[in-house]
Amino acid sequence: MEKQAITSNQHQLYYQPKDVWVGDVMPYGKDGKFFVYHQRDTRNPVPFGEPFGWALATTKDFVHYEDFGESLLRGEDDERDQFIYAGSVFEANGKVHAFYTGYNREFLAQGKTSQVLLHAESDDFVHWKKSEAALELEPQEGYDIRNWRDPFVVWDDEKEEYLLILGARKGQDKHLQTGRLVKFTSDNLIDWEFKGDFWAPDLYTMFEMPELFKIGDWWYLVYSEYSDGNKILYRMSKSLDGPWLKPKDEAFDGRAYYAGRTAFDGERRVLFGWVPTKDQEDDKNNYLWGGTFVPHEVYQKEDFSLGVKPIDEVWKSFTDGISLIDTKLSTIDTREEKTLVEHSGTIFNFETTISFDEQLSDFSLRLYKNFETDESYEYRFNLDEGRLTFDKNPCYPWFQYMDKGLIRPINLRPNESYNLKVIVDDNILTLYIDGIALNARVYDQFGDAITITATNGSLTVSDSKFSNKILK
């Protein structure tokens, strides 16, 4: 099979409207339905080229969507919300509220603050009336006037007040690691009092898309950052006042999954992040802002940390699956490889149960493999180092894929069984195992085989299933 290009915006499963790229998602859940407020970037001619507001789509299953188009409309070019950046949606006092970031790219040159917090109300989740109530929430003295965004509002039961947090930074030098979350409080959603820093860990240059939610006795703080791992991370605490504890695995996914917030529809909590595209649709290039929405279901583990897994309806949208023959790979000092699927196509799901002995040093799953050239994309499980990585294999001449940040910690133990799931939708590859996920964006289809490898030990592969038929 000759190598072919697989380009963006050809997805049959994951959500990306035609001719636009999905940016930050402001989700809200209610009675089994999710309201997916999101930014749509036209990339005309580049990301953020044309101003945007918030569009709206709703879904109950993440396979079928009802599209409402632009919902919260951007302002005119001379107004504070020339662009509508991220914010949050919630219900209170018989209304639907949106607290959002207004951005005007011309204001800094005019000596004005470029980012401010604004407010709108709705009766039906679709049509919005903007208010002046939140216009006073501008950057406070000593904070960066260019970085003041992504507000999130939650009700604090203990203090009986609303808490608003947002991403900010101290000083005007954007290279310093002064990123922090700041807070306002209010008892009526109109009058807000600035209460200073909510969390200032001196770890990042900036925070984006912060969120707070509670499961049982634990509060979780979810946020994104772009100066360290460029990932969605979280902390946990028994109190909104902290301290905010770092779990051993602080991420949900890798570098190719960003700006995620969660929503709870009464039954499940879902993480709404996007998989970025790459510059000029080239594997070796860096990522661009915006791309394709991919959901993860979030769950609480026994140790109260968080894990992710596929959305059940997304997984079950693949039909007419076939069972594959169980296999075992055994080697002492070499790599052994076996073919699982000869022709996968470009949209499919695959799952298997793996177990291994104490000697196995690593195993891998190779996708889009070409038998003649031996080229493929590869998820590699390095058991000696406790990490899962993604890359092209072989990576010659080095490097063939810019994979910085496509790494996840793993803690897989010998002689135990683990379920591994993969969803491929054209150029997005998504892997799940043991509560972690790793997304990747790829642009070459070398072939369409699925193989598995093992090095220095024994690997058993059982209960494998594959389907490349999808119902929508």
Foldseek 3Di string as FASTA:
>chain_A
DAKDWFDAPPFQQFDDDPQWFWFAWAWAAAQQKIKTWTWTANCVVHGVPAATETWIWMDNFSRDIDGPGHFGGADDLPDQQSHWAAEYWDDDPQKIKTWTWRAHPCVVVVVHQGIFIWMWIDNPSGHIDTDCQRRVRADDPQWASPAWGYKYWDQDPVVQKIKIKTWTAGDHPLVFLRIFIWIWIGNPVRDIDTDGTQGGPRPASMWHNWDWDDDDQKIKIWIAGDGPFRFIFIFIASDSSDDTHADPFGGFAWNQWHNWDWYDNPPFIKIWTHGFAFVVNAQAGDTGGGGTIAMWTWDADPVRDIFTDHRPSSQVQFDPKDWWDKDKDFDAAFKDKDFTFQAAPQWKKKKWKKAWAPFWQKKKKWFLADPVVRWTWIFIQGQVVQKTFIAIPPCPPPHRGDGRTQMGGHDDDHPDMKMKMWTGTRQWIWIDIPRHIYIDGHTMNRHGTIMMMTGRTMMIIDRMMMGRHGDD
